[in-house]
C-alpha atoms as a PDB file:
ATOM      1  CA  UNK A   1       0.129  -0.176   0.233  1.00  0.00           C
ATOM      2  CA  UNK A   2       1.604   3.487  -0.918  1.00  0.00           C
ATOM      3  CA  UNK A   3       1.958   6.098   2.034  1.00  0.00           C
ATOM      4  CA  UNK A   4      -0.629   8.104   0.302  1.00  0.00           C
ATOM      5  CA  UNK A   5      -3.382   4.958   0.517  1.00  0.00           C
ATOM      6  CA  UNK A   6      -2.116   4.877   3.995  1.00  0.00           C
ATOM      7  CA  UNK A   7      -2.618   8.312   5.015  1.00  0.00           C
ATOM      8  CA  UNK A   8      -6.194   8.401   3.240  1.00  0.00           C
ATOM      9  CA  UNK A   9      -7.194   4.863   5.668  1.00  0.00           C
ATOM     10  CA  UNK A  10      -6.262   7.265   8.502  1.00  0.00           C
ATOM     11  CA  UNK A  11      -7.956  10.151   7.723  1.00  0.00           C
ATOM     12  CA  UNK A  12     -11.052   8.354   7.220  1.00  0.00           C
ATOM     13  CA  UNK A  13     -10.653   6.500  10.158  1.00  0.00           C
ATOM     14  CA  UNK A  14      -9.962   9.214  12.063  1.00  0.00           C
ATOM     15  CA  UNK A  15     -13.346  10.844  10.686  1.00  0.00           C
ATOM     16  CA  UNK A  16     -15.453   7.788  11.741  1.00  0.00           C
ATOM     17  CA  UNK A  17     -14.106   7.438  15.714  1.00  0.00           C
ATOM     18  CA  UNK A  18     -13.543  11.372  16.272  1.00  0.00           C
ATOM     19  CA  UNK A  19     -16.249  13.230  13.713  1.00  0.00           C
ATOM     20  CA  UNK A  20     -16.222  15.837  11.466  1.00  0.00           C
ATOM     21  CA  UNK A  21     -13.814  18.820  12.724  1.00  0.00           C
ATOM     22  CA  UNK A  22      -9.792  18.081  12.912  1.00  0.00           C
ATOM     23  CA  UNK A  23      -9.898  20.118  15.393  1.00  0.00           C
ATOM     24  CA  UNK A  24     -10.876  17.627  17.745  1.00  0.00           C
ATOM     25  CA  UNK A  25      -9.143  15.006  16.710  1.00  0.00           C
ATOM     26  CA  UNK A  26      -6.925  14.162  19.915  1.00  0.00           C
ATOM     27  CA  UNK A  27      -3.192  15.099  19.528  1.00  0.00           C
ATOM     28  CA  UNK A  28      -1.971  12.107  18.550  1.00  0.00           C
ATOM     29  CA  UNK A  29      -4.250  11.162  15.725  1.00  0.00           C
ATOM     30  CA  UNK A  30      -3.249  14.132  14.121  1.00  0.00           C
ATOM     31  CA  UNK A  31       0.512  13.711  14.239  1.00  0.00           C
ATOM     32  CA  UNK A  32       0.400  10.212  12.809  1.00  0.00           C
ATOM     33  CA  UNK A  33      -1.436  11.648   9.896  1.00  0.00           C
ATOM     34  CA  UNK A  34       0.917  13.975   9.298  1.00  0.00           C
ATOM     35  CA  UNK A  35       3.634  11.483   9.964  1.00  0.00           C
ATOM     36  CA  UNK A  36       2.195   9.810   6.754  1.00  0.00           C
ATOM     37  CA  UNK A  37       2.845  12.561   4.578  1.00  0.00           C
ATOM     38  CA  UNK A  38       5.148  11.095   1.529  1.00  0.00           C
ATOM     39  CA  UNK A  39       8.476  13.657   2.727  1.00  0.00           C
ATOM     40  CA  UNK A  40       8.499  11.745   6.201  1.00  0.00           C
ATOM     41  CA  UNK A  41       8.771   8.135   4.623  1.00  0.00           C
ATOM     42  CA  UNK A  42      12.345   8.958   2.188  1.00  0.00           C
ATOM     43  CA  UNK A  43      14.668   7.857   2.333  1.00  0.00           C
ATOM     44  CA  UNK A  44      16.535  11.477   1.489  1.00  0.00           C
ATOM     45  CA  UNK A  45      14.372  13.570   3.709  1.00  0.00           C
ATOM     46  CA  UNK A  46      15.785  10.721   6.538  1.00  0.00           C
ATOM     47  CA  UNK A  47      19.286  11.304   6.198  1.00  0.00           C
ATOM     48  CA  UNK A  48      18.608  15.422   5.508  1.00  0.00           C
ATOM     49  CA  UNK A  49      16.344  15.079   9.015  1.00  0.00           C
ATOM     50  CA  UNK A  50      19.152  13.688  10.860  1.00  0.00           C
ATOM     51  CA  UNK A  51      21.981  16.325   9.431  1.00  0.00           C
ATOM     52  CA  UNK A  52      19.430  18.816  10.898  1.00  0.00           C
ATOM     53  CA  UNK A  53      19.625  16.901  14.673  1.00  0.00           C
ATOM     54  CA  UNK A  54      23.279  17.204  14.483  1.00  0.00           C
ATOM     55  CA  UNK A  55      22.912  20.325  13.796  1.00  0.00           C
ATOM     56  CA  UNK A  56      24.282  21.383  10.242  1.00  0.00           C
ATOM     57  CA  UNK A  57      23.250  24.288   8.564  1.00  0.00           C
ATOM     58  CA  UNK A  58      21.428  24.450   6.091  1.00  0.00           C
ATOM     59  CA  UNK A  59      23.909  25.531   3.585  1.00  0.00           C
ATOM     60  CA  UNK A  60      26.074  23.233   4.670  1.00  0.00           C
ATOM     61  CA  UNK A  61      23.427  20.234   4.230  1.00  0.00           C
ATOM     62  CA  UNK A  62      21.782  21.868   1.069  1.00  0.00           C
ATOM     63  CA  UNK A  63      25.904  21.269  -0.753  1.00  0.00           C
ATOM     64  CA  UNK A  64      26.359  18.056   0.617  1.00  0.00           C
ATOM     65  CA  UNK A  65      23.079  17.194  -0.277  1.00  0.00           C
ATOM     66  CA  UNK A  66      21.744  18.860  -3.680  1.00  0.00           C
ATOM     67  CA  UNK A  67      18.895  20.445  -2.143  1.00  0.00           C
ATOM     68  CA  UNK A  68      18.214  24.319  -1.754  1.00  0.00           C
ATOM     69  CA  UNK A  69      18.502  25.614   1.341  1.00  0.00           C
ATOM     70  CA  UNK A  70      15.193  27.311   1.175  1.00  0.00           C
ATOM     71  CA  UNK A  71      14.164  23.285   1.467  1.00  0.00           C
ATOM     72  CA  UNK A  72      16.359  22.704   4.034  1.00  0.00           C
ATOM     73  CA  UNK A  73      14.793  25.645   5.540  1.00  0.00           C
ATOM     74  CA  UNK A  74      11.789  24.681   5.162  1.00  0.00           C
ATOM     75  CA  UNK A  75      12.093  21.109   6.513  1.00  0.00           C
ATOM     76  CA  UNK A  76      13.760  22.266   9.987  1.00  0.00           C
ATOM     77  CA  UNK A  77      10.534  24.518  10.073  1.00  0.00           C
ATOM     78  CA  UNK A  78       8.160  21.235   9.513  1.00  0.00           C
ATOM     79  CA  UNK A  79      10.393  19.660  12.379  1.00  0.00           C
ATOM     80  CA  UNK A  80      10.053  22.647  14.724  1.00  0.00           C
ATOM     81  CA  UNK A  81       6.814  23.107  14.254  1.00  0.00           C
ATOM     82  CA  UNK A  82       6.060  19.542  14.917  1.00  0.00           C
ATOM     83  CA  UNK A  83       8.287  19.493  17.620  1.00  0.00           C
ATOM     84  CA  UNK A  84      10.589  16.823  16.055  1.00  0.00           C
ATOM     85  CA  UNK A  85      13.601  19.011  17.011  1.00  0.00           C
ATOM     86  CA  UNK A  86      15.244  17.447  19.194  1.00  0.00           C
ATOM     87  CA  UNK A  87      18.967  18.229  18.589  1.00  0.00           C
ATOM     88  CA  UNK A  88      21.079  15.571  19.398  1.00  0.00           C
ATOM     89  CA  UNK A  89      25.504  14.516  19.745  1.00  0.00           C
ATOM     90  CA  UNK A  90      27.554  11.546  19.447  1.00  0.00           C
ATOM     91  CA  UNK A  91      30.781  11.567  22.253  1.00  0.00           C
ATOM     92  CA  UNK A  92      33.191  12.815  19.266  1.00  0.00           C
ATOM     93  CA  UNK A  93      30.771  15.845  18.786  1.00  0.00           C
ATOM     94  CA  UNK A  94      30.091  16.754  22.341  1.00  0.00           C
ATOM     95  CA  UNK A  95      34.448  16.070  23.455  1.00  0.00           C
ATOM     96  CA  UNK A  96      35.123  18.633  20.093  1.00  0.00           C
ATOM     97  CA  UNK A  97      32.152  21.331  21.041  1.00  0.00           C
ATOM     98  CA  UNK A  98      34.386  21.213  24.494  1.00  0.00           C
ATOM     99  CA  UNK A  99      37.400  21.607  22.921  1.00  0.00           C
ATOM    100  CA  UNK A 100      36.437  24.489  21.038  1.00  0.00           C
ATOM    101  CA  UNK A 101      34.698  26.414  24.293  1.00  0.00           C
ATOM    102  CA  UNK A 102      37.734  26.079  26.287  1.00  0.00           C
ATOM    103  CA  UNK A 103      40.079  27.240  23.606  1.00  0.00           C
ATOM    104  CA  UNK A 104      38.426  29.668  22.380  1.00  0.00           C
ATOM    105  CA  UNK A 105      38.525  33.256  23.847  1.00  0.00           C
ATOM    106  CA  UNK A 106      35.123  34.494  24.907  1.00  0.00           C
ATOM    107  CA  UNK A 107      33.213  31.554  23.338  1.00  0.00           C
ATOM    108  CA  UNK A 108      29.546  32.595  22.518  1.00  0.00           C
ATOM    109  CA  UNK A 109      26.958  29.670  19.846  1.00  0.00           C
ATOM    110  CA  UNK A 110      27.678  31.862  17.146  1.00  0.00           C
ATOM    111  CA  UNK A 111      31.464  32.178  17.592  1.00  0.00           C
ATOM    112  CA  UNK A 112      31.728  28.539  18.186  1.00  0.00           C
ATOM    113  CA  UNK A 113      28.952  27.283  15.591  1.00  0.00           C
ATOM    114  CA  UNK A 114      31.018  28.921  13.130  1.00  0.00           C
ATOM    115  CA  UNK A 115      34.569  27.506  13.817  1.00  0.00           C
ATOM    116  CA  UNK A 116      32.442  24.068  14.016  1.00  0.00           C
ATOM    117  CA  UNK A 117      30.088  24.816  11.174  1.00  0.00           C
ATOM    118  CA  UNK A 118      27.011  23.952  13.076  1.00  0.00           C
ATOM    119  CA  UNK A 119      23.753  25.773  13.970  1.00  0.00           C
ATOM    120  CA  UNK A 120      23.892  28.034  16.659  1.00  0.00           C
ATOM    121  CA  UNK A 121      20.894  26.696  18.129  1.00  0.00           C
ATOM    122  CA  UNK A 122      22.804  23.474  18.060  1.00  0.00           C
ATOM    123  CA  UNK A 123      25.816  24.493  19.871  1.00  0.00           C
ATOM    124  CA  UNK A 124      23.134  26.356  22.190  1.00  0.00           C
ATOM    125  CA  UNK A 125      21.105  22.909  23.491  1.00  0.00           C
ATOM    126  CA  UNK A 126      24.519  20.422  23.235  1.00  0.00           C
ATOM    127  CA  UNK A 127      26.495  23.565  25.785  1.00  0.00           C
ATOM    128  CA  UNK A 128      23.396  23.368  28.696  1.00  0.00           C
ATOM    129  CA  UNK A 129      23.588  19.426  27.706  1.00  0.00           C
ATOM    130  CA  UNK A 130      27.271  19.352  29.124  1.00  0.00           C
ATOM    131  CA  UNK A 131      26.737  21.564  32.130  1.00  0.00           C
ATOM    132  CA  UNK A 132      23.661  19.524  33.249  1.00  0.00           C
ATOM    133  CA  UNK A 133      26.339  16.565  32.466  1.00  0.00           C
ATOM    134  CA  UNK A 134      28.987  18.814  34.718  1.00  0.00           C
ATOM    135  CA  UNK A 135      26.502  20.318  37.609  1.00  0.00           C
ATOM    136  CA  UNK A 136      25.276  16.270  38.119  1.00  0.00           C
ATOM    137  CA  UNK A 137      28.767  15.000  38.073  1.00  0.00           C
ATOM    138  CA  UNK A 138      29.499  17.660  40.817  1.00  0.00           C
ATOM    139  CA  UNK A 139      26.847  16.382  42.915  1.00  0.00           C
END
């Protein structure tokens, strides 16, 4: 069954179970239906989402994956609106971040992001994560 047929089946089921007003449907049902869209199921978009979650900039992703920066920006925006934008980092990325913060003169998130080639929001989230880990270690 194609993804469009699956989505149509989900919508029919939601109408049958929850009525004609989609605003009154449970959030998890609406999220499941949105997840059925074609953009959520392509291998290329899974790679793009992975790169976004690891903080790569729109420009870098568009150069590496031959997509327009506007497309990457739209995908990042959709992920943010759907609360799917939960930044991640590998231990190596965290080690690199720690090194850059320690060896830069007055490091701010934008400066660290520029040096690492990452999104400033990713740097902010990962620095918060590092602070939490260091605070827990002190206790």
